[in-house]
Amino acid sequence: MSRVVRFCRKCGSSIVPGAQFCNTCGTPIDPQDPFHTSTEPVSISKTTEHEIHPSESITQEEDSIEEEEIPADELERIVTTYNIWKLDAQLKPLDLKLEELSVKREVGELTEEEYLSESANLEDMKKTLEKELSKKKDVKPLLMYALISDEQNASDRLNKLENIFEENKISQTTYSKLKREYSEKLQAIRHELAYERQKMNKWKKILEKMEKNTKTLLEELLVRYEIGELPEDEYISKKSDLEAKRKDLENSLTLINFLLK
């Protein structure tokens, strides 16, 4: 008995028969595309000499990770995106606090003078953070960070469309047309996100290995200093550089874990 096996043109993963998109990277599949089509025997009871056992697969993956590197510009983007993410996280509560102050003034809980004083302090904090944020955005952030926001916006549009239709503000024709349009955009974003998640998972493993190596280098550096191989000024300089690198790696892993939730 045999079957036709096809593979994704982009990532090389095997394609489920009849699938319209690659399950691994989300790339659309052309049913007429003969790329890497082959006929393989299907065997249930026998193991061929070319099969890879799980332990071998893990070893090969670890070797591959050890050899791979994240491009320097991408590492810079990860660190920059972490900083943008932290600044965004500080800005959002400020907007809520300003809105809360406005409500308290309206209901008489705050006097006009108290409101102006407290809101002015919050506005100053907001301007400072926004200024810092604008500096960070000189470097293009990670695509996945933007895609997560795009996915949320696309999903919100669909929900709002449903509400408008339920309120009988638009016809069935308009509703069907826009729903198809917004649904296709959301699907496209999710396919792109699937590919980015695959890449982030690979980068996460590389970053974990880099962080582990950096900790080892710090320990070796301490030993060399303690036994007198390194003078104090050289030790302090190298230690400072390695600790800064380790901090960037820790921050990068924090961001990637957040993105992969």
Foldseek 3Di string as FASTA:
>chain_A
DKDKWAADPPPGHIDDPPDQARPQQGHGDDPPDCHPIDIDDDDDPDDDPPDDDPVRVVVVLVVVLVPDDDDPLQLLQLLLQLLLVVLVVVQVVLVVVLVVLVVCCVVPVDPPVRSVVVNVVSVVVNVVSVVVNVVSPVRPHDPLVVLVVVLVVLVVVLVVLVVCVVVVVDDPVVSVVVNVVSVVVNSVSVSNNSNVLSVLVSVLVSLVVVLVVLVVVLVVLVVCVVVPVDDPVVSVVVNVVSVVVNVSSVSSNVVSVVSND
